[in-house]
Amino acid sequence: MLEKLAEFGVLPVIAVDTVDQGLNLCEALMKGGLAAAEITFRTDAAEATIKAVVKEFPTMTVGAGTVLTVKDLNRAMDAGASFAVAPGCNPTVVKAAVDADFDFAPGICTPSDIERALEFGVSDLKFFPAEAAGGVPMLTSICAPYMHLGLQVCPTGGIKLGNMASYLSLPYVPVVGGTWLAPKDKIKAGDWDAISALAAEAVQAVKAL
């Protein structure tokens, strides 16, 4: 899953209050060259937004974020999400995703989290909250004992244009997640051109790497 997202290098993490916001936002991201988004279940509009974006922009890779329960997971799959991620590693949700053969990256922050995911055969992981948890040094340290098992990690939390290169330089980090690409104030103001510009800037930065 994460290797597929490597073509983008950056995964916009978005939260919207209405479906219209989500459609406009995703259109803006695509205009900027980013045809991928993680739509988080932090708002009531998430499920309907995923469904609408999948229908309106079939070439966009759409995932569900903040998937905390099996109910959330089922809603994400029913809405047409291509993948899902979570901030933590809930064994019940991980098992449900594995049983459904659905691409799911649980959140990890400790070696125990990694081992919990590996127990279910899951090696696509989300490192969260990346910067607050110690950044690149912490990620390097906790992943070191498991690298022979083929880990792929998407760091999220505090990632910005200025520090994403340090994460993407790691061989097991194909993509980083970031909310900076869809600022709340820009969404509220409907400043879609500004969001397109942020996406384009991120795309160019990834290309430069």
C-alpha atoms as a PDB file:
ATOM      1  CA  MET A   1       0.000   0.000   0.000  1.00  0.00           C
ATOM      2  CA  LEU A   2       2.623   2.527   1.054  1.00  0.00           C
ATOM      3  CA  GLU A   3       4.818   1.642  -1.913  1.00  0.00           C
ATOM      4  CA  LYS A   4       1.902   2.567  -4.179  1.00  0.00           C
ATOM      5  CA  LEU A   5       1.741   5.962  -2.468  1.00  0.00           C
ATOM      6  CA  ALA A   6       5.465   6.457  -3.052  1.00  0.00           C
ATOM      7  CA  GLU A   7       4.735   7.994  -6.448  1.00  0.00           C
ATOM      8  CA  PHE A   8       3.307  10.984  -4.564  1.00  0.00           C
ATOM      9  CA  GLY A   9       5.799  11.077  -1.680  1.00  0.00           C
ATOM     10  CA  VAL A  10       3.327  13.188   0.270  1.00  0.00           C
ATOM     11  CA  LEU A  11      -0.134  12.209   1.476  1.00  0.00           C
ATOM     12  CA  PRO A  12      -2.409  15.152   2.350  1.00  0.00           C
ATOM     13  CA  VAL A  13      -4.254  14.492   5.617  1.00  0.00           C
ATOM     14  CA  ILE A  14      -7.562  16.326   5.481  1.00  0.00           C
ATOM     15  CA  ALA A  15     -10.598  16.943   7.671  1.00  0.00           C
ATOM     16  CA  VAL A  16     -13.686  18.587   6.196  1.00  0.00           C
ATOM     17  CA  ASP A  17     -17.056  19.585   7.594  1.00  0.00           C
ATOM     18  CA  THR A  18     -19.059  19.125   4.396  1.00  0.00           C
ATOM     19  CA  VAL A  19     -18.944  17.038   1.250  1.00  0.00           C
ATOM     20  CA  ASP A  20     -18.647  20.182  -0.878  1.00  0.00           C
ATOM     21  CA  GLN A  21     -15.556  21.204   1.050  1.00  0.00           C
ATOM     22  CA  GLY A  22     -14.079  17.776   0.435  1.00  0.00           C
ATOM     23  CA  LEU A  23     -14.768  17.833  -3.285  1.00  0.00           C
ATOM     24  CA  ASN A  24     -13.345  21.329  -3.710  1.00  0.00           C
ATOM     25  CA  LEU A  25     -10.327  20.455  -1.614  1.00  0.00           C
ATOM     26  CA  CYS A  26      -9.543  17.272  -3.523  1.00  0.00           C
ATOM     27  CA  GLU A  27      -9.976  19.083  -6.832  1.00  0.00           C
ATOM     28  CA  ALA A  28      -7.503  21.705  -5.605  1.00  0.00           C
ATOM     29  CA  LEU A  29      -4.994  19.030  -4.589  1.00  0.00           C
ATOM     30  CA  MET A  30      -5.255  17.390  -7.988  1.00  0.00           C
ATOM     31  CA  LYS A  31      -4.736  20.715  -9.750  1.00  0.00           C
ATOM     32  CA  GLY A  32      -1.540  21.009  -7.742  1.00  0.00           C
ATOM     33  CA  GLY A  33      -0.438  17.557  -8.872  1.00  0.00           C
ATOM     34  CA  LEU A  34      -1.348  15.521  -5.784  1.00  0.00           C
ATOM     35  CA  ALA A  35      -3.881  12.859  -6.716  1.00  0.00           C
ATOM     36  CA  ALA A  36      -4.025  11.299  -3.257  1.00  0.00           C
ATOM     37  CA  ALA A  37      -5.671  12.128   0.051  1.00  0.00           C
ATOM     38  CA  GLU A  38      -6.350  10.690   3.472  1.00  0.00           C
ATOM     39  CA  ILE A  39      -9.820  11.810   4.539  1.00  0.00           C
ATOM     40  CA  THR A  40     -10.006  11.492   8.303  1.00  0.00           C
ATOM     41  CA  PHE A  41     -12.944  10.248  10.332  1.00  0.00           C
ATOM     42  CA  ARG A  42     -12.583  13.250  12.625  1.00  0.00           C
ATOM     43  CA  THR A  43     -15.777  14.809  11.244  1.00  0.00           C
ATOM     44  CA  ASP A  44     -19.255  13.532  10.502  1.00  0.00           C
ATOM     45  CA  ALA A  45     -18.789  14.315   6.801  1.00  0.00           C
ATOM     46  CA  ALA A  46     -15.917  11.861   6.276  1.00  0.00           C
ATOM     47  CA  GLU A  47     -17.799   8.810   5.011  1.00  0.00           C
ATOM     48  CA  ALA A  48     -19.976  10.740   2.564  1.00  0.00           C
ATOM     49  CA  THR A  49     -16.974  12.742   1.405  1.00  0.00           C
ATOM     50  CA  ILE A  50     -14.947   9.624   0.628  1.00  0.00           C
ATOM     51  CA  LYS A  51     -17.865   8.213  -1.327  1.00  0.00           C
ATOM     52  CA  ALA A  52     -18.316  11.466  -3.286  1.00  0.00           C
ATOM     53  CA  VAL A  53     -14.610  11.924  -4.041  1.00  0.00           C
ATOM     54  CA  VAL A  54     -14.225   8.334  -5.237  1.00  0.00           C
ATOM     55  CA  LYS A  55     -17.148   8.867  -7.614  1.00  0.00           C
ATOM     56  CA  GLU A  56     -16.170  12.361  -8.801  1.00  0.00           C
ATOM     57  CA  PHE A  57     -12.407  11.775  -9.109  1.00  0.00           C
ATOM     58  CA  PRO A  58     -11.883   8.106 -10.004  1.00  0.00           C
ATOM     59  CA  THR A  59      -8.157   8.600 -10.687  1.00  0.00           C
ATOM     60  CA  MET A  60      -7.531   9.883  -7.174  1.00  0.00           C
ATOM     61  CA  THR A  61      -6.183   7.516  -4.536  1.00  0.00           C
ATOM     62  CA  VAL A  62      -8.450   8.037  -1.536  1.00  0.00           C
ATOM     63  CA  GLY A  63      -7.870   6.598   1.913  1.00  0.00           C
ATOM     64  CA  ALA A  64      -9.605   6.882   5.261  1.00  0.00           C
ATOM     65  CA  GLY A  65      -7.824   8.192   8.337  1.00  0.00           C
ATOM     66  CA  THR A  66      -8.429   8.075  12.087  1.00  0.00           C
ATOM     67  CA  VAL A  67      -9.991   4.630  11.741  1.00  0.00           C
ATOM     68  CA  LEU A  68     -10.425   3.723  15.398  1.00  0.00           C
ATOM     69  CA  THR A  69     -12.999   0.925  15.378  1.00  0.00           C
ATOM     70  CA  VAL A  70     -14.203  -1.953  13.229  1.00  0.00           C
ATOM     71  CA  LYS A  71     -17.280   0.157  12.513  1.00  0.00           C
ATOM     72  CA  ASP A  72     -15.027   2.907  11.138  1.00  0.00           C
ATOM     73  CA  LEU A  73     -13.183   0.331   9.056  1.00  0.00           C
ATOM     74  CA  ASN A  74     -16.406  -1.011   7.570  1.00  0.00           C
ATOM     75  CA  ARG A  75     -17.607   2.511   6.814  1.00  0.00           C
ATOM     76  CA  ALA A  76     -14.329   3.251   5.035  1.00  0.00           C
ATOM     77  CA  MET A  77     -14.560   0.111   2.919  1.00  0.00           C
ATOM     78  CA  ASP A  78     -18.242   0.674   2.112  1.00  0.00           C
ATOM     79  CA  ALA A  79     -17.479   4.249   1.036  1.00  0.00           C
ATOM     80  CA  GLY A  80     -14.890   3.007  -1.456  1.00  0.00           C
ATOM     81  CA  ALA A  81     -11.645   3.968   0.276  1.00  0.00           C
ATOM     82  CA  SER A  82      -8.547   2.310  -1.179  1.00  0.00           C
ATOM     83  CA  PHE A  83      -6.839   2.047   2.189  1.00  0.00           C
ATOM     84  CA  ALA A  84      -7.130   3.116   5.810  1.00  0.00           C
ATOM     85  CA  VAL A  85      -4.786   4.249   8.551  1.00  0.00           C
ATOM     86  CA  ALA A  86      -5.073   4.706  12.307  1.00  0.00           C
ATOM     87  CA  PRO A  87      -3.177   6.656  14.963  1.00  0.00           C
ATOM     88  CA  GLY A  88      -2.788   3.548  17.112  1.00  0.00           C
ATOM     89  CA  CYS A  89      -2.446  -0.205  16.816  1.00  0.00           C
ATOM     90  CA  ASN A  90      -5.756  -1.711  17.931  1.00  0.00           C
ATOM     91  CA  PRO A  91      -5.470  -5.506  17.475  1.00  0.00           C
ATOM     92  CA  THR A  92      -9.219  -5.873  16.908  1.00  0.00           C
ATOM     93  CA  VAL A  93      -9.196  -3.391  14.028  1.00  0.00           C
ATOM     94  CA  VAL A  94      -5.968  -4.780  12.563  1.00  0.00           C
ATOM     95  CA  LYS A  95      -7.406  -8.316  12.561  1.00  0.00           C
ATOM     96  CA  ALA A  96     -10.631  -7.117  10.910  1.00  0.00           C
ATOM     97  CA  ALA A  97      -8.648  -5.402   8.154  1.00  0.00           C
ATOM     98  CA  VAL A  98      -6.499  -8.486   7.599  1.00  0.00           C
ATOM     99  CA  ASP A  99      -9.559 -10.737   7.505  1.00  0.00           C
ATOM    100  CA  ALA A 100     -11.138  -8.403   4.938  1.00  0.00           C
ATOM    101  CA  ASP A 101      -7.891  -8.308   2.905  1.00  0.00           C
ATOM    102  CA  PHE A 102      -8.042  -4.517   3.106  1.00  0.00           C
ATOM    103  CA  ASP A 103      -4.937  -2.318   3.074  1.00  0.00           C
ATOM    104  CA  PHE A 104      -4.548  -0.907   6.572  1.00  0.00           C
ATOM    105  CA  ALA A 105      -1.634   0.828   8.288  1.00  0.00           C
ATOM    106  CA  PRO A 106      -1.931   0.900  12.084  1.00  0.00           C
ATOM    107  CA  GLY A 107      -0.142   3.581  14.081  1.00  0.00           C
ATOM    108  CA  ILE A 108       3.074   2.755  15.880  1.00  0.00           C
ATOM    109  CA  CYS A 109       5.192   4.669  18.387  1.00  0.00           C
ATOM    110  CA  THR A 110       7.045   1.887  20.244  1.00  0.00           C
ATOM    111  CA  PRO A 111       8.688  -1.476  19.493  1.00  0.00           C
ATOM    112  CA  SER A 112       5.692  -3.182  21.124  1.00  0.00           C
ATOM    113  CA  ASP A 113       3.364  -1.464  18.640  1.00  0.00           C
ATOM    114  CA  ILE A 114       5.473  -2.753  15.762  1.00  0.00           C
ATOM    115  CA  GLU A 115       5.464  -6.298  17.113  1.00  0.00           C
ATOM    116  CA  ARG A 116       1.710  -6.152  17.635  1.00  0.00           C
ATOM    117  CA  ALA A 117       1.239  -5.257  13.965  1.00  0.00           C
ATOM    118  CA  LEU A 118       3.752  -7.844  12.761  1.00  0.00           C
ATOM    119  CA  GLU A 119       1.885 -10.519  14.700  1.00  0.00           C
ATOM    120  CA  PHE A 120      -0.945 -10.058  12.192  1.00  0.00           C
ATOM    121  CA  GLY A 121       1.422  -9.994   9.222  1.00  0.00           C
ATOM    122  CA  VAL A 122       1.068  -6.227   8.801  1.00  0.00           C
ATOM    123  CA  SER A 123       4.259  -4.395   7.827  1.00  0.00           C
ATOM    124  CA  ASP A 124       2.777  -1.141   6.461  1.00  0.00           C
ATOM    125  CA  LEU A 125       2.791   1.204   9.437  1.00  0.00           C
ATOM    126  CA  LYS A 126       2.059   4.799  10.401  1.00  0.00           C
ATOM    127  CA  PHE A 127       4.529   6.494  12.755  1.00  0.00           C
ATOM    128  CA  PHE A 128       2.471   8.885  14.848  1.00  0.00           C
ATOM    129  CA  PRO A 129       2.908  11.487  16.269  1.00  0.00           C
ATOM    130  CA  ALA A 130       6.180  11.647  14.369  1.00  0.00           C
ATOM    131  CA  GLU A 131       7.783  14.883  15.522  1.00  0.00           C
ATOM    132  CA  ALA A 132       6.401  14.832  19.056  1.00  0.00           C
ATOM    133  CA  ALA A 133       7.572  11.232  19.508  1.00  0.00           C
ATOM    134  CA  GLY A 134      11.182  12.032  18.652  1.00  0.00           C
ATOM    135  CA  GLY A 135      11.264  12.442  14.891  1.00  0.00           C
ATOM    136  CA  VAL A 136      13.764  10.708  12.639  1.00  0.00           C
ATOM    137  CA  PRO A 137      16.100   9.561  15.463  1.00  0.00           C
ATOM    138  CA  MET A 138      13.221   7.863  17.283  1.00  0.00           C
ATOM    139  CA  LEU A 139      11.851   6.254  14.124  1.00  0.00           C
ATOM    140  CA  THR A 140      15.303   4.982  13.163  1.00  0.00           C
ATOM    141  CA  SER A 141      15.840   3.510  16.614  1.00  0.00           C
ATOM    142  CA  ILE A 142      12.529   1.675  16.987  1.00  0.00           C
ATOM    143  CA  CYS A 143      12.596   0.293  13.428  1.00  0.00           C
ATOM    144  CA  ALA A 144      16.206  -0.930  13.480  1.00  0.00           C
ATOM    145  CA  PRO A 145      15.512  -4.386  14.995  1.00  0.00           C
ATOM    146  CA  TYR A 146      12.772  -5.101  12.449  1.00  0.00           C
ATOM    147  CA  MET A 147      14.168  -3.854   9.141  1.00  0.00           C
ATOM    148  CA  HIS A 148      14.870  -7.376   7.890  1.00  0.00           C
ATOM    149  CA  LEU A 149      11.092  -7.933   8.013  1.00  0.00           C
ATOM    150  CA  GLY A 150      10.360  -5.389   5.287  1.00  0.00           C
ATOM    151  CA  LEU A 151       8.752  -2.551   7.218  1.00  0.00           C
ATOM    152  CA  GLN A 152       7.300   0.376   5.287  1.00  0.00           C
ATOM    153  CA  VAL A 153       6.432   3.444   7.365  1.00  0.00           C
ATOM    154  CA  CYS A 154       4.422   6.608   6.763  1.00  0.00           C
ATOM    155  CA  PRO A 155       5.360   9.244   9.372  1.00  0.00           C
ATOM    156  CA  THR A 156       2.572  11.691  10.237  1.00  0.00           C
ATOM    157  CA  GLY A 157       2.291  14.397  12.848  1.00  0.00           C
ATOM    158  CA  GLY A 158       4.312  17.575  12.685  1.00  0.00           C
ATOM    159  CA  ILE A 159       5.560  16.862   9.160  1.00  0.00           C
ATOM    160  CA  LYS A 160       6.039  19.982   7.058  1.00  0.00           C
ATOM    161  CA  LEU A 161       7.707  21.028   3.842  1.00  0.00           C
ATOM    162  CA  GLY A 162      10.841  21.924   5.764  1.00  0.00           C
ATOM    163  CA  ASN A 163      11.391  18.570   7.485  1.00  0.00           C
ATOM    164  CA  MET A 164       9.841  15.996   5.162  1.00  0.00           C
ATOM    165  CA  ALA A 165      13.134  15.389   3.328  1.00  0.00           C
ATOM    166  CA  SER A 166      14.750  13.982   6.474  1.00  0.00           C
ATOM    167  CA  TYR A 167      12.021  11.343   6.669  1.00  0.00           C
ATOM    168  CA  LEU A 168      11.854  10.564   2.950  1.00  0.00           C
ATOM    169  CA  SER A 169      15.612   9.971   2.951  1.00  0.00           C
ATOM    170  CA  LEU A 170      15.026   6.819   5.015  1.00  0.00           C
ATOM    171  CA  PRO A 171      14.783   3.736   2.755  1.00  0.00           C
ATOM    172  CA  TYR A 172      11.688   2.431   4.551  1.00  0.00           C
ATOM    173  CA  VAL A 173       9.731   5.717   4.305  1.00  0.00           C
ATOM    174  CA  PRO A 174       8.091   5.909   0.854  1.00  0.00           C
ATOM    175  CA  VAL A 175       5.595   8.622   1.819  1.00  0.00           C
ATOM    176  CA  VAL A 176       4.882  11.130   4.576  1.00  0.00           C
ATOM    177  CA  GLY A 177       1.497  12.388   5.718  1.00  0.00           C
ATOM    178  CA  GLY A 178       0.779  16.023   6.411  1.00  0.00           C
ATOM    179  CA  THR A 179      -2.019  18.354   7.398  1.00  0.00           C
ATOM    180  CA  TRP A 180      -0.043  21.413   6.266  1.00  0.00           C
ATOM    181  CA  LEU A 181      -1.315  20.833   2.722  1.00  0.00           C
ATOM    182  CA  ALA A 182      -4.895  21.532   3.765  1.00  0.00           C
ATOM    183  CA  PRO A 183      -4.865  24.255   6.450  1.00  0.00           C
ATOM    184  CA  LYS A 184      -8.146  24.745   8.284  1.00  0.00           C
ATOM    185  CA  ASP A 185      -8.180  28.477   7.629  1.00  0.00           C
ATOM    186  CA  LYS A 186      -7.748  27.968   3.867  1.00  0.00           C
ATOM    187  CA  ILE A 187     -10.543  25.379   3.813  1.00  0.00           C
ATOM    188  CA  LYS A 188     -12.867  27.621   5.817  1.00  0.00           C
ATOM    189  CA  ALA A 189     -12.123  30.553   3.501  1.00  0.00           C
ATOM    190  CA  GLY A 190     -12.537  28.431   0.385  1.00  0.00           C
ATOM    191  CA  ASP A 191      -9.071  29.470  -0.779  1.00  0.00           C
ATOM    192  CA  TRP A 192      -8.621  26.519  -3.099  1.00  0.00           C
ATOM    193  CA  ASP A 193      -5.935  28.260  -5.180  1.00  0.00           C
ATOM    194  CA  ALA A 194      -3.758  28.515  -2.093  1.00  0.00           C
ATOM    195  CA  ILE A 195      -4.175  24.789  -1.440  1.00  0.00           C
ATOM    196  CA  SER A 196      -3.307  24.008  -5.071  1.00  0.00           C
ATOM    197  CA  ALA A 197      -0.150  26.083  -4.626  1.00  0.00           C
ATOM    198  CA  LEU A 198       0.802  24.183  -1.460  1.00  0.00           C
ATOM    199  CA  ALA A 199       0.280  20.878  -3.283  1.00  0.00           C
ATOM    200  CA  ALA A 200       2.382  21.998  -6.242  1.00  0.00           C
ATOM    201  CA  GLU A 201       5.132  23.153  -3.893  1.00  0.00           C
ATOM    202  CA  ALA A 202       5.167  19.747  -2.180  1.00  0.00           C
ATOM    203  CA  VAL A 203       5.231  17.903  -5.509  1.00  0.00           C
ATOM    204  CA  GLN A 204       8.232  19.926  -6.657  1.00  0.00           C
ATOM    205  CA  ALA A 205      10.007  19.304  -3.357  1.00  0.00           C
ATOM    206  CA  VAL A 206       9.499  15.554  -3.709  1.00  0.00           C
ATOM    207  CA  LYS A 207      10.796  15.647  -7.280  1.00  0.00           C
ATOM    208  CA  ALA A 208      13.880  17.532  -6.091  1.00  0.00           C
ATOM    209  CA  LEU A 209      14.635  14.695  -3.676  1.00  0.00           C
END
